[in-house]
PDB file of N, CA and C in Angstrom:
ATOM      1  N   MET A   1       0.699  -1.148  -0.072  1.00  0.00           N
ATOM      2  CA  MET A   1       0.043   0.017  -0.130  1.00  0.00           C
ATOM      3  C   MET A   1       0.891   1.250  -0.047  1.00  0.00           C
ATOM      4  N   THR A   2       0.710   2.175  -0.866  1.00  0.00           N
ATOM      5  CA  THR A   2       1.299   3.455  -0.999  1.00  0.00           C
ATOM      6  C   THR A   2       0.365   4.603  -0.807  1.00  0.00           C
ATOM      7  N   GLU A   3       0.830   5.623   0.054  1.00  0.00           N
ATOM      8  CA  GLU A   3      -0.055   6.701   0.166  1.00  0.00           C
ATOM      9  C   GLU A   3       0.681   8.005  -0.091  1.00  0.00           C
ATOM     10  N   ARG A   4       0.045   8.981  -0.538  1.00  0.00           N
ATOM     11  CA  ARG A   4       0.527  10.355  -0.732  1.00  0.00           C
ATOM     12  C   ARG A   4       0.228  11.170   0.656  1.00  0.00           C
ATOM     13  N   LEU A   5       1.324  11.898   1.055  1.00  0.00           N
ATOM     14  CA  LEU A   5       1.164  12.606   2.342  1.00  0.00           C
ATOM     15  C   LEU A   5       1.251  13.968   2.102  1.00  0.00           C
ATOM     16  N   ARG A   6       0.340  14.669   2.843  1.00  0.00           N
ATOM     17  CA  ARG A   6       0.213  16.151   2.767  1.00  0.00           C
ATOM     18  C   ARG A   6      -0.270  16.831   3.903  1.00  0.00           C
ATOM     19  N   ILE A   7      -0.186  18.191   3.968  1.00  0.00           N
ATOM     20  CA  ILE A   7      -0.787  19.055   4.906  1.00  0.00           C
ATOM     21  C   ILE A   7      -1.566  20.003   4.044  1.00  0.00           C
ATOM     22  N   ASP A   8      -2.979  19.867   4.182  1.00  0.00           N
ATOM     23  CA  ASP A   8      -3.871  20.685   3.355  1.00  0.00           C
ATOM     24  C   ASP A   8      -3.534  20.435   1.835  1.00  0.00           C
ATOM     25  N   GLU A   9      -3.249  21.504   1.141  1.00  0.00           N
ATOM     26  CA  GLU A   9      -2.918  21.271  -0.321  1.00  0.00           C
ATOM     27  C   GLU A   9      -1.419  21.062  -0.589  1.00  0.00           C
ATOM     28  N   LYS A  10      -0.549  21.046   0.374  1.00  0.00           N
ATOM     29  CA  LYS A  10       0.818  20.858  -0.008  1.00  0.00           C
ATOM     30  C   LYS A  10       1.189  19.408   0.166  1.00  0.00           C
ATOM     31  N   VAL A  11       1.633  18.811  -0.956  1.00  0.00           N
ATOM     32  CA  VAL A  11       2.212  17.403  -0.861  1.00  0.00           C
ATOM     33  C   VAL A  11       3.589  17.455  -0.305  1.00  0.00           C
ATOM     34  N   LEU A  12       3.760  16.691   0.679  1.00  0.00           N
ATOM     35  CA  LEU A  12       4.997  16.547   1.334  1.00  0.00           C
ATOM     36  C   LEU A  12       5.884  15.249   1.009  1.00  0.00           C
ATOM     37  N   GLY A  13       5.116  14.172   0.531  1.00  0.00           N
ATOM     38  CA  GLY A  13       5.973  13.017   0.116  1.00  0.00           C
ATOM     39  C   GLY A  13       4.921  11.919   0.114  1.00  0.00           C
ATOM     40  N   TYR A  14       5.574  10.705   0.273  1.00  0.00           N
ATOM     41  CA  TYR A  14       4.730   9.362   0.204  1.00  0.00           C
ATOM     42  C   TYR A  14       5.262   8.406   1.244  1.00  0.00           C
ATOM     43  N   ARG A  15       4.381   7.441   1.630  1.00  0.00           N
ATOM     44  CA  ARG A  15       4.872   6.338   2.380  1.00  0.00           C
ATOM     45  C   ARG A  15       4.217   5.141   1.921  1.00  0.00           C
ATOM     46  N   ARG A  16       4.893   3.894   2.078  1.00  0.00           N
ATOM     47  CA  ARG A  16       4.517   2.714   1.767  1.00  0.00           C
ATOM     48  C   ARG A  16       4.827   1.574   2.864  1.00  0.00           C
ATOM     49  N   LEU A  17       3.858   0.753   3.051  1.00  0.00           N
ATOM     50  CA  LEU A  17       3.880  -0.355   3.868  1.00  0.00           C
ATOM     51  C   LEU A  17       4.488  -1.495   3.330  1.00  0.00           C
ATOM     52  N   GLN A  18       5.631  -1.924   4.049  1.00  0.00           N
ATOM     53  CA  GLN A  18       6.307  -3.127   3.584  1.00  0.00           C
ATOM     54  C   GLN A  18       6.285  -4.113   4.747  1.00  0.00           C
ATOM     55  N   GLY A  19       5.606  -5.162   4.712  1.00  0.00           N
ATOM     56  CA  GLY A  19       5.496  -6.091   5.981  1.00  0.00           C
ATOM     57  C   GLY A  19       4.817  -5.371   6.927  1.00  0.00           C
ATOM     58  N   LYS A  20       5.452  -5.069   8.089  1.00  0.00           N
ATOM     59  CA  LYS A  20       4.882  -4.259   9.294  1.00  0.00           C
ATOM     60  C   LYS A  20       5.690  -2.978   9.361  1.00  0.00           C
ATOM     61  N   HIS A  21       6.531  -2.604   8.339  1.00  0.00           N
ATOM     62  CA  HIS A  21       7.098  -1.332   8.404  1.00  0.00           C
ATOM     63  C   HIS A  21       6.702  -0.333   7.474  1.00  0.00           C
ATOM     64  N   TRP A  22       6.725   0.931   7.814  1.00  0.00           N
ATOM     65  CA  TRP A  22       6.462   2.070   6.852  1.00  0.00           C
ATOM     66  C   TRP A  22       7.725   2.498   6.387  1.00  0.00           C
ATOM     67  N   PHE A  23       7.816   2.909   5.046  1.00  0.00           N
ATOM     68  CA  PHE A  23       8.963   3.608   4.545  1.00  0.00           C
ATOM     69  C   PHE A  23       8.418   4.833   3.846  1.00  0.00           C
ATOM     70  N   TYR A  24       9.282   5.962   3.927  1.00  0.00           N
ATOM     71  CA  TYR A  24       8.873   7.204   3.511  1.00  0.00           C
ATOM     72  C   TYR A  24       9.846   7.693   2.445  1.00  0.00           C
ATOM     73  N   SER A  25       9.169   8.447   1.502  1.00  0.00           N
ATOM     74  CA  SER A  25      10.010   9.115   0.408  1.00  0.00           C
ATOM     75  C   SER A  25       9.486  10.550  -0.032  1.00  0.00           C
ATOM     76  N   PRO A  26      10.274  11.415  -0.251  1.00  0.00           N
ATOM     77  CA  PRO A  26       9.859  12.827  -0.696  1.00  0.00           C
ATOM     78  C   PRO A  26       9.474  12.786  -2.190  1.00  0.00           C
ATOM     79  N   ASP A  27       9.837  11.754  -2.831  1.00  0.00           N
ATOM     80  CA  ASP A  27       9.763  11.781  -4.414  1.00  0.00           C
ATOM     81  C   ASP A  27       9.343  10.426  -5.168  1.00  0.00           C
ATOM     82  N   MET A  28       9.154   9.243  -4.186  1.00  0.00           N
ATOM     83  CA  MET A  28       8.914   8.054  -4.703  1.00  0.00           C
ATOM     84  C   MET A  28      10.021   7.389  -5.275  1.00  0.00           C
ATOM     85  N   TYR A  29      11.209   7.876  -5.130  1.00  0.00           N
ATOM     86  CA  TYR A  29      12.437   7.243  -5.695  1.00  0.00           C
ATOM     87  C   TYR A  29      13.272   6.666  -4.570  1.00  0.00           C
ATOM     88  N   SER A  30      13.621   7.475  -3.586  1.00  0.00           N
ATOM     89  CA  SER A  30      14.543   6.994  -2.434  1.00  0.00           C
ATOM     90  C   SER A  30      13.573   6.850  -1.339  1.00  0.00           C
ATOM     91  N   TRP A  31      13.692   5.739  -0.668  1.00  0.00           N
ATOM     92  CA  TRP A  31      12.778   5.529   0.493  1.00  0.00           C
ATOM     93  C   TRP A  31      13.791   5.306   1.766  1.00  0.00           C
ATOM     94  N   SER A  32      13.107   5.541   2.891  1.00  0.00           N
ATOM     95  CA  SER A  32      13.857   5.309   4.242  1.00  0.00           C
ATOM     96  C   SER A  32      12.768   5.355   5.250  1.00  0.00           C
ATOM     97  N   GLY A  33      13.265   4.857   6.564  1.00  0.00           N
ATOM     98  CA  GLY A  33      12.439   4.830   7.561  1.00  0.00           C
ATOM     99  C   GLY A  33      12.296   6.009   8.344  1.00  0.00           C
ATOM    100  N   ASN A  34      12.765   7.249   7.837  1.00  0.00           N
ATOM    101  CA  ASN A  34      12.652   8.508   8.487  1.00  0.00           C
ATOM    102  C   ASN A  34      11.110   8.932   8.126  1.00  0.00           C
ATOM    103  N   ALA A  35      10.320   9.142   9.161  1.00  0.00           N
ATOM    104  CA  ALA A  35       9.030   9.634   9.031  1.00  0.00           C
ATOM    105  C   ALA A  35       8.840  10.839   8.460  1.00  0.00           C
ATOM    106  N   ILE A  36       7.790  11.118   7.653  1.00  0.00           N
ATOM    107  CA  ILE A  36       7.459  12.535   7.209  1.00  0.00           C
ATOM    108  C   ILE A  36       6.237  12.914   7.952  1.00  0.00           C
ATOM    109  N   LEU A  37       6.139  13.852   8.589  1.00  0.00           N
ATOM    110  CA  LEU A  37       5.100  14.467   9.297  1.00  0.00           C
ATOM    111  C   LEU A  37       3.974  14.936   8.418  1.00  0.00           C
ATOM    112  N   PHE A  38       2.709  14.511   8.614  1.00  0.00           N
ATOM    113  CA  PHE A  38       1.577  14.892   7.611  1.00  0.00           C
ATOM    114  C   PHE A  38       0.205  15.046   8.506  1.00  0.00           C
ATOM    115  N   LYS A  39      -0.689  15.568   7.853  1.00  0.00           N
ATOM    116  CA  LYS A  39      -2.054  15.744   8.420  1.00  0.00           C
ATOM    117  C   LYS A  39      -3.069  14.720   7.564  1.00  0.00           C
ATOM    118  N   GLN A  40      -2.910  14.584   6.297  1.00  0.00           N
ATOM    119  CA  GLN A  40      -3.733  13.903   5.364  1.00  0.00           C
ATOM    120  C   GLN A  40      -3.118  12.967   4.553  1.00  0.00           C
ATOM    121  N   SER A  41      -3.605  11.885   4.272  1.00  0.00           N
ATOM    122  CA  SER A  41      -3.086  10.913   3.310  1.00  0.00           C
ATOM    123  C   SER A  41      -3.959  10.634   2.328  1.00  0.00           C
ATOM    124  N   ASP A  42      -3.589  10.214   1.084  1.00  0.00           N
ATOM    125  CA  ASP A  42      -4.524   9.863  -0.021  1.00  0.00           C
ATOM    126  C   ASP A  42      -3.998   8.443  -0.443  1.00  0.00           C
ATOM    127  N   ARG A  43      -5.015   7.648  -0.620  1.00  0.00           N
ATOM    128  CA  ARG A  43      -4.648   6.193  -0.924  1.00  0.00           C
ATOM    129  C   ARG A  43      -4.274   6.045  -2.500  1.00  0.00           C
ATOM    130  N   SER A  44      -3.240   5.199  -2.696  1.00  0.00           N
ATOM    131  CA  SER A  44      -2.935   4.950  -4.143  1.00  0.00           C
ATOM    132  C   SER A  44      -4.061   4.033  -4.740  1.00  0.00           C
ATOM    133  N   THR A  45      -4.333   4.158  -6.017  1.00  0.00           N
ATOM    134  CA  THR A  45      -5.187   3.302  -6.723  1.00  0.00           C
ATOM    135  C   THR A  45      -4.354   2.150  -7.351  1.00  0.00           C
ATOM    136  N   GLY A  46      -3.042   2.263  -7.404  1.00  0.00           N
ATOM    137  CA  GLY A  46      -2.174   1.339  -7.975  1.00  0.00           C
ATOM    138  C   GLY A  46      -2.216   1.325  -9.534  1.00  0.00           C
ATOM    139  N   ILE A  47      -2.892   2.366 -10.039  1.00  0.00           N
ATOM    140  CA  ILE A  47      -3.416   2.531 -11.427  1.00  0.00           C
ATOM    141  C   ILE A  47      -2.268   3.773 -11.979  1.00  0.00           C
ATOM    142  N   ARG A  48      -1.925   3.688 -13.129  1.00  0.00           N
ATOM    143  CA  ARG A  48      -1.039   4.869 -13.821  1.00  0.00           C
ATOM    144  C   ARG A  48      -1.754   5.468 -14.861  1.00  0.00           C
ATOM    145  N   ASP A  49      -1.585   6.689 -15.189  1.00  0.00           N
ATOM    146  CA  ASP A  49      -2.233   7.301 -16.264  1.00  0.00           C
ATOM    147  C   ASP A  49      -1.326   7.218 -17.532  1.00  0.00           C
ATOM    148  N   ARG A  50      -1.742   7.855 -18.683  1.00  0.00           N
ATOM    149  CA  ARG A  50      -1.068   7.564 -19.898  1.00  0.00           C
ATOM    150  C   ARG A  50       0.319   8.140 -19.834  1.00  0.00           C
ATOM    151  N   ASN A  51       0.722   8.959 -18.942  1.00  0.00           N
ATOM    152  CA  ASN A  51       2.140   9.420 -18.738  1.00  0.00           C
ATOM    153  C   ASN A  51       2.832   8.650 -17.568  1.00  0.00           C
ATOM    154  N   ARG A  52       2.252   7.599 -17.178  1.00  0.00           N
ATOM    155  CA  ARG A  52       2.896   6.688 -16.201  1.00  0.00           C
ATOM    156  C   ARG A  52       3.013   7.283 -14.745  1.00  0.00           C
ATOM    157  N   ARG A  53       1.960   8.330 -14.515  1.00  0.00           N
ATOM    158  CA  ARG A  53       1.934   8.843 -13.175  1.00  0.00           C
ATOM    159  C   ARG A  53       0.853   8.017 -12.344  1.00  0.00           C
ATOM    160  N   LEU A  54       1.326   7.750 -11.134  1.00  0.00           N
ATOM    161  CA  LEU A  54       0.517   6.974 -10.206  1.00  0.00           C
ATOM    162  C   LEU A  54      -0.639   7.833  -9.681  1.00  0.00           C
ATOM    163  N   ILE A  55      -1.946   7.321  -9.846  1.00  0.00           N
ATOM    164  CA  ILE A  55      -3.150   7.888  -9.420  1.00  0.00           C
ATOM    165  C   ILE A  55      -3.383   7.558  -8.007  1.00  0.00           C
ATOM    166  N   PHE A  56      -3.913   8.687  -7.347  1.00  0.00           N
ATOM    167  CA  PHE A  56      -4.264   8.576  -5.931  1.00  0.00           C
ATOM    168  C   PHE A  56      -5.633   9.163  -5.661  1.00  0.00           C
ATOM    169  N   GLU A  57      -6.290   8.667  -4.507  1.00  0.00           N
ATOM    170  CA  GLU A  57      -7.470   9.418  -3.959  1.00  0.00           C
ATOM    171  C   GLU A  57      -7.411  10.789  -4.163  1.00  0.00           C
ATOM    172  N   ASN A  58      -8.454  11.512  -4.538  1.00  0.00           N
ATOM    173  CA  ASN A  58      -8.577  12.961  -4.523  1.00  0.00           C
ATOM    174  C   ASN A  58      -7.832  13.499  -5.815  1.00  0.00           C
ATOM    175  N   ASP A  59      -7.382  12.704  -6.789  1.00  0.00           N
ATOM    176  CA  ASP A  59      -6.926  13.192  -8.096  1.00  0.00           C
ATOM    177  C   ASP A  59      -8.057  13.444  -9.025  1.00  0.00           C
ATOM    178  N   ILE A  60      -7.815  14.404  -9.962  1.00  0.00           N
ATOM    179  CA  ILE A  60      -8.755  14.758 -10.976  1.00  0.00           C
ATOM    180  C   ILE A  60      -7.985  14.283 -12.265  1.00  0.00           C
ATOM    181  N   LEU A  61      -8.720  13.494 -12.911  1.00  0.00           N
ATOM    182  CA  LEU A  61      -8.321  12.983 -14.318  1.00  0.00           C
ATOM    183  C   LEU A  61      -9.132  13.535 -15.412  1.00  0.00           C
ATOM    184  N   GLU A  62      -8.579  13.618 -16.552  1.00  0.00           N
ATOM    185  CA  GLU A  62      -9.365  13.947 -17.830  1.00  0.00           C
ATOM    186  C   GLU A  62      -9.365  12.876 -18.662  1.00  0.00           C
ATOM    187  N   ASP A  63     -10.579  12.163 -19.014  1.00  0.00           N
ATOM    188  CA  ASP A  63     -10.642  11.069 -19.858  1.00  0.00           C
ATOM    189  C   ASP A  63     -11.164  11.545 -21.284  1.00  0.00           C
ATOM    190  N   ASN A  64     -10.776  10.988 -22.352  1.00  0.00           N
ATOM    191  CA  ASN A  64     -11.055  11.487 -23.647  1.00  0.00           C
ATOM    192  C   ASN A  64     -12.427  11.378 -24.061  1.00  0.00           C
ATOM    193  N   VAL A  65     -13.232  10.459 -23.272  1.00  0.00           N
ATOM    194  CA  VAL A  65     -14.565  10.097 -23.600  1.00  0.00           C
ATOM    195  C   VAL A  65     -15.432  10.618 -22.572  1.00  0.00           C
ATOM    196  N   LEU A  66     -15.181  10.576 -21.312  1.00  0.00           N
ATOM    197  CA  LEU A  66     -16.191  10.977 -20.104  1.00  0.00           C
ATOM    198  C   LEU A  66     -15.744  12.304 -19.617  1.00  0.00           C
ATOM    199  N   GLY A  67     -14.666  12.914 -20.032  1.00  0.00           N
ATOM    200  CA  GLY A  67     -14.372  14.175 -19.546  1.00  0.00           C
ATOM    201  C   GLY A  67     -13.702  14.160 -18.078  1.00  0.00           C
ATOM    202  N   PHE A  68     -13.862  15.032 -17.212  1.00  0.00           N
ATOM    203  CA  PHE A  68     -13.285  14.840 -15.876  1.00  0.00           C
ATOM    204  C   PHE A  68     -13.807  13.903 -14.927  1.00  0.00           C
ATOM    205  N   LEU A  69     -12.881  13.202 -14.347  1.00  0.00           N
ATOM    206  CA  LEU A  69     -13.168  12.152 -13.339  1.00  0.00           C
ATOM    207  C   LEU A  69     -12.463  12.512 -12.023  1.00  0.00           C
ATOM    208  N   GLU A  70     -13.103  12.193 -10.839  1.00  0.00           N
ATOM    209  CA  GLU A  70     -12.363  12.235  -9.669  1.00  0.00           C
ATOM    210  C   GLU A  70     -12.340  10.872  -8.876  1.00  0.00           C
ATOM    211  N   ILE A  71     -11.248  10.741  -8.264  1.00  0.00           N
ATOM    212  CA  ILE A  71     -10.911   9.366  -7.578  1.00  0.00           C
ATOM    213  C   ILE A  71     -11.300   9.831  -6.170  1.00  0.00           C
ATOM    214  N   ALA A  72     -12.264   9.113  -5.532  1.00  0.00           N
ATOM    215  CA  ALA A  72     -12.900   9.352  -4.236  1.00  0.00           C
ATOM    216  C   ALA A  72     -12.882   8.213  -3.417  1.00  0.00           C
ATOM    217  N   PHE A  73     -13.134   8.241  -1.962  1.00  0.00           N
ATOM    218  CA  PHE A  73     -13.128   7.112  -1.151  1.00  0.00           C
ATOM    219  C   PHE A  73     -14.538   7.080  -0.607  1.00  0.00           C
ATOM    220  N   ASP A  74     -15.246   5.846  -0.688  1.00  0.00           N
ATOM    221  CA  ASP A  74     -16.559   5.757  -0.057  1.00  0.00           C
ATOM    222  C   ASP A  74     -16.282   5.168   1.303  1.00  0.00           C
ATOM    223  N   ASP A  75     -16.661   5.921   2.309  1.00  0.00           N
ATOM    224  CA  ASP A  75     -16.520   5.355   3.723  1.00  0.00           C
ATOM    225  C   ASP A  75     -17.424   4.271   4.089  1.00  0.00           C
ATOM    226  N   ALA A  76     -18.668   4.314   3.637  1.00  0.00           N
ATOM    227  CA  ALA A  76     -19.678   3.278   3.796  1.00  0.00           C
ATOM    228  C   ALA A  76     -19.192   1.798   3.297  1.00  0.00           C
ATOM    229  N   LEU A  77     -18.648   1.962   1.961  1.00  0.00           N
ATOM    230  CA  LEU A  77     -18.181   0.737   1.367  1.00  0.00           C
ATOM    231  C   LEU A  77     -16.767   0.429   1.615  1.00  0.00           C
ATOM    232  N   GLY A  78     -16.030   1.415   2.210  1.00  0.00           N
ATOM    233  CA  GLY A  78     -14.634   1.109   2.510  1.00  0.00           C
ATOM    234  C   GLY A  78     -13.761   0.896   1.284  1.00  0.00           C
ATOM    235  N   ARG A  79     -14.180   1.622   0.234  1.00  0.00           N
ATOM    236  CA  ARG A  79     -13.276   1.447  -1.123  1.00  0.00           C
ATOM    237  C   ARG A  79     -13.323   2.794  -1.838  1.00  0.00           C
ATOM    238  N   LEU A  80     -12.291   2.816  -2.740  1.00  0.00           N
ATOM    239  CA  LEU A  80     -12.189   3.830  -3.642  1.00  0.00           C
ATOM    240  C   LEU A  80     -12.987   3.587  -4.820  1.00  0.00           C
ATOM    241  N   PHE A  81     -13.387   4.734  -5.533  1.00  0.00           N
ATOM    242  CA  PHE A  81     -14.313   4.645  -6.724  1.00  0.00           C
ATOM    243  C   PHE A  81     -13.993   5.805  -7.519  1.00  0.00           C
ATOM    244  N   VAL A  82     -14.589   5.715  -8.820  1.00  0.00           N
ATOM    245  CA  VAL A  82     -14.238   6.861  -9.844  1.00  0.00           C
ATOM    246  C   VAL A  82     -15.703   7.651 -10.097  1.00  0.00           C
ATOM    247  N   ALA A  83     -15.795   8.854  -9.860  1.00  0.00           N
ATOM    248  CA  ALA A  83     -16.912   9.833 -10.132  1.00  0.00           C
ATOM    249  C   ALA A  83     -16.621  10.531 -11.419  1.00  0.00           C
ATOM    250  N   ALA A  84     -17.426  10.304 -12.513  1.00  0.00           N
ATOM    251  CA  ALA A  84     -17.491  11.037 -13.752  1.00  0.00           C
ATOM    252  C   ALA A  84     -18.200  12.283 -13.397  1.00  0.00           C
ATOM    253  N   LEU A  85     -17.451  13.431 -13.418  1.00  0.00           N
ATOM    254  CA  LEU A  85     -18.154  14.602 -12.778  1.00  0.00           C
ATOM    255  C   LEU A  85     -19.100  15.291 -13.791  1.00  0.00           C
ATOM    256  N   GLN A  86     -18.903  15.136 -15.097  1.00  0.00           N
ATOM    257  CA  GLN A  86     -19.785  15.751 -16.166  1.00  0.00           C
ATOM    258  C   GLN A  86     -20.981  14.961 -16.369  1.00  0.00           C
ATOM    259  N   GLU A  87     -21.045  13.678 -16.110  1.00  0.00           N
ATOM    260  CA  GLU A  87     -22.230  12.858 -16.306  1.00  0.00           C
ATOM    261  C   GLU A  87     -22.789  12.403 -15.046  1.00  0.00           C
ATOM    262  N   ASN A  88     -22.122  12.584 -13.922  1.00  0.00           N
ATOM    263  CA  ASN A  88     -22.683  12.224 -12.464  1.00  0.00           C
ATOM    264  C   ASN A  88     -22.728  10.713 -12.501  1.00  0.00           C
ATOM    265  N   GLY A  89     -21.767  10.003 -13.076  1.00  0.00           N
ATOM    266  CA  GLY A  89     -21.744   8.528 -13.109  1.00  0.00           C
ATOM    267  C   GLY A  89     -20.609   8.088 -12.081  1.00  0.00           C
ATOM    268  N   LEU A  90     -20.975   6.827 -11.496  1.00  0.00           N
ATOM    269  CA  LEU A  90     -19.837   6.271 -10.745  1.00  0.00           C
ATOM    270  C   LEU A  90     -19.358   5.091 -11.151  1.00  0.00           C
ATOM    271  N   TYR A  91     -18.113   4.807 -11.083  1.00  0.00           N
ATOM    272  CA  TYR A  91     -17.411   3.666 -11.630  1.00  0.00           C
ATOM    273  C   TYR A  91     -16.440   2.997 -10.668  1.00  0.00           C
ATOM    274  N   SER A  92     -16.140   1.694 -10.856  1.00  0.00           N
ATOM    275  CA  SER A  92     -15.270   1.015  -9.904  1.00  0.00           C
ATOM    276  C   SER A  92     -13.901   1.375 -10.424  1.00  0.00           C
ATOM    277  N   LEU A  93     -12.875   1.034  -9.551  1.00  0.00           N
ATOM    278  CA  LEU A  93     -11.506   1.107  -9.932  1.00  0.00           C
ATOM    279  C   LEU A  93     -11.073  -0.098 -10.988  1.00  0.00           C
ATOM    280  N   ASP A  94     -11.861  -1.154 -10.952  1.00  0.00           N
ATOM    281  CA  ASP A  94     -11.513  -2.111 -12.037  1.00  0.00           C
ATOM    282  C   ASP A  94     -11.818  -1.469 -13.400  1.00  0.00           C
ATOM    283  N   TRP A  95     -12.879  -0.770 -13.530  1.00  0.00           N
ATOM    284  CA  TRP A  95     -13.137  -0.096 -14.842  1.00  0.00           C
ATOM    285  C   TRP A  95     -12.115   0.854 -15.165  1.00  0.00           C
ATOM    286  N   LEU A  96     -11.680   1.747 -14.425  1.00  0.00           N
ATOM    287  CA  LEU A  96     -10.436   2.574 -14.555  1.00  0.00           C
ATOM    288  C   LEU A  96      -9.176   1.763 -14.962  1.00  0.00           C
ATOM    289  N   ALA A  97      -8.911   0.720 -14.205  1.00  0.00           N
ATOM    290  CA  ALA A  97      -7.769  -0.078 -14.619  1.00  0.00           C
ATOM    291  C   ALA A  97      -7.939  -0.684 -15.976  1.00  0.00           C
ATOM    292  N   GLU A  98      -8.992  -1.129 -16.372  1.00  0.00           N
ATOM    293  CA  GLU A  98      -9.153  -1.557 -17.722  1.00  0.00           C
ATOM    294  C   GLU A  98      -8.897  -0.416 -18.800  1.00  0.00           C
ATOM    295  N   ARG A  99      -9.288   0.696 -18.517  1.00  0.00           N
ATOM    296  CA  ARG A  99      -8.913   1.817 -19.363  1.00  0.00           C
ATOM    297  C   ARG A  99      -7.511   2.240 -19.255  1.00  0.00           C
ATOM    298  N   SER A 100      -6.830   2.019 -18.294  1.00  0.00           N
ATOM    299  CA  SER A 100      -5.446   2.417 -18.277  1.00  0.00           C
ATOM    300  C   SER A 100      -4.530   2.030 -19.381  1.00  0.00           C
ATOM    301  N   GLY A 101      -4.874   0.793 -19.875  1.00  0.00           N
ATOM    302  CA  GLY A 101      -4.093   0.317 -21.061  1.00  0.00           C
ATOM    303  C   GLY A 101      -4.407   1.021 -22.399  1.00  0.00           C
ATOM    304  N   THR A 102      -5.482   1.894 -22.373  1.00  0.00           N
ATOM    305  CA  THR A 102      -5.956   2.417 -23.766  1.00  0.00           C
ATOM    306  C   THR A 102      -5.440   3.886 -23.901  1.00  0.00           C
ATOM    307  N   ASN A 103      -4.615   4.342 -22.885  1.00  0.00           N
ATOM    308  CA  ASN A 103      -4.131   5.700 -22.923  1.00  0.00           C
ATOM    309  C   ASN A 103      -5.298   6.725 -23.019  1.00  0.00           C
ATOM    310  N   SER A 104      -6.391   6.498 -22.275  1.00  0.00           N
ATOM    311  CA  SER A 104      -7.499   7.355 -22.423  1.00  0.00           C
ATOM    312  C   SER A 104      -7.760   8.466 -21.391  1.00  0.00           C
ATOM    313  N   PHE A 105      -6.919   8.282 -20.255  1.00  0.00           N
ATOM    314  CA  PHE A 105      -6.907   9.413 -19.337  1.00  0.00           C
ATOM    315  C   PHE A 105      -5.573   9.855 -18.886  1.00  0.00           C
ATOM    316  N   VAL A 106      -5.647  11.068 -18.407  1.00  0.00           N
ATOM    317  CA  VAL A 106      -4.370  11.837 -17.987  1.00  0.00           C
ATOM    318  C   VAL A 106      -4.659  12.375 -16.630  1.00  0.00           C
ATOM    319  N   TRP A 107      -3.700  12.566 -15.762  1.00  0.00           N
ATOM    320  CA  TRP A 107      -3.981  13.327 -14.451  1.00  0.00           C
ATOM    321  C   TRP A 107      -3.864  14.673 -14.875  1.00  0.00           C
ATOM    322  N   LYS A 108      -4.833  15.509 -13.995  1.00  0.00           N
ATOM    323  CA  LYS A 108      -4.945  16.885 -14.236  1.00  0.00           C
ATOM    324  C   LYS A 108      -4.624  17.841 -13.120  1.00  0.00           C
ATOM    325  N   SER A 109      -5.143  17.311 -11.741  1.00  0.00           N
ATOM    326  CA  SER A 109      -4.963  18.164 -10.741  1.00  0.00           C
ATOM    327  C   SER A 109      -5.299  17.304  -9.434  1.00  0.00           C
ATOM    328  N   PHE A 110      -5.414  18.130  -8.344  1.00  0.00           N
ATOM    329  CA  PHE A 110      -5.780  17.576  -7.063  1.00  0.00           C
ATOM    330  C   PHE A 110      -7.192  18.076  -6.704  1.00  0.00           C
ATOM    331  N   SER A 111      -8.112  17.322  -6.217  1.00  0.00           N
ATOM    332  CA  SER A 111      -9.394  17.842  -5.960  1.00  0.00           C
ATOM    333  C   SER A 111      -9.332  18.609  -4.509  1.00  0.00           C
ATOM    334  N   PHE A 112      -8.363  18.641  -3.809  1.00  0.00           N
ATOM    335  CA  PHE A 112      -8.213  19.259  -2.426  1.00  0.00           C
ATOM    336  C   PHE A 112      -7.653  20.702  -2.886  1.00  0.00           C
ATOM    337  N   LEU A 113      -7.446  21.166  -4.054  1.00  0.00           N
ATOM    338  CA  LEU A 113      -6.978  22.521  -4.125  1.00  0.00           C
ATOM    339  C   LEU A 113      -8.141  23.365  -4.215  1.00  0.00           C
ATOM    340  N   GLN A 114      -8.082  24.532  -3.483  1.00  0.00           N
ATOM    341  CA  GLN A 114      -9.182  25.320  -3.423  1.00  0.00           C
ATOM    342  C   GLN A 114      -8.906  26.725  -4.155  1.00  0.00           C
ATOM    343  N   GLU A 115      -9.820  27.229  -4.765  1.00  0.00           N
ATOM    344  CA  GLU A 115      -9.811  28.495  -5.444  1.00  0.00           C
ATOM    345  C   GLU A 115      -9.681  29.598  -4.220  1.00  0.00           C
ATOM    346  N   PRO A 116      -8.913  30.735  -4.485  1.00  0.00           N
ATOM    347  CA  PRO A 116      -8.715  31.752  -3.489  1.00  0.00           C
ATOM    348  C   PRO A 116     -10.032  32.473  -3.270  1.00  0.00           C
TER     349      PRO A 116
END
C-alpha cells in the first residue's frame, strides 16, 4: 500500500507499507524509515495514467470520452471509486484499470486544491 502525504494542499511525500514497516519518500524514488510528518493521506489506486503517473485518491483525471473524473473514497463501502463529474456517473477502480491500457486518461489536478 502506498499513500501520498500532505498538509492541506501541500504534498510532502509518500509512504508505503512493507510487511509491518512504513517507509517514506519525498519523491517516490528514495525510501527510508525516516517519518514524514503529515495531516492527510491519499490512498494509491495502483493505476497509472498515460504518462505513467501513479493515481491517488482525490486526483482529478481527464478522460478522452467521459471528461473529468475524480478518484474518491466511499467510507460506507470502504473502497475507492471513480466519479465522472460531467455525467454524474460512478465507476469502480476495475473499470479505470481496464481503461489504463488504452491511454484514455491523464492526471490533471488535485481535488483538494481550493480557489482563493
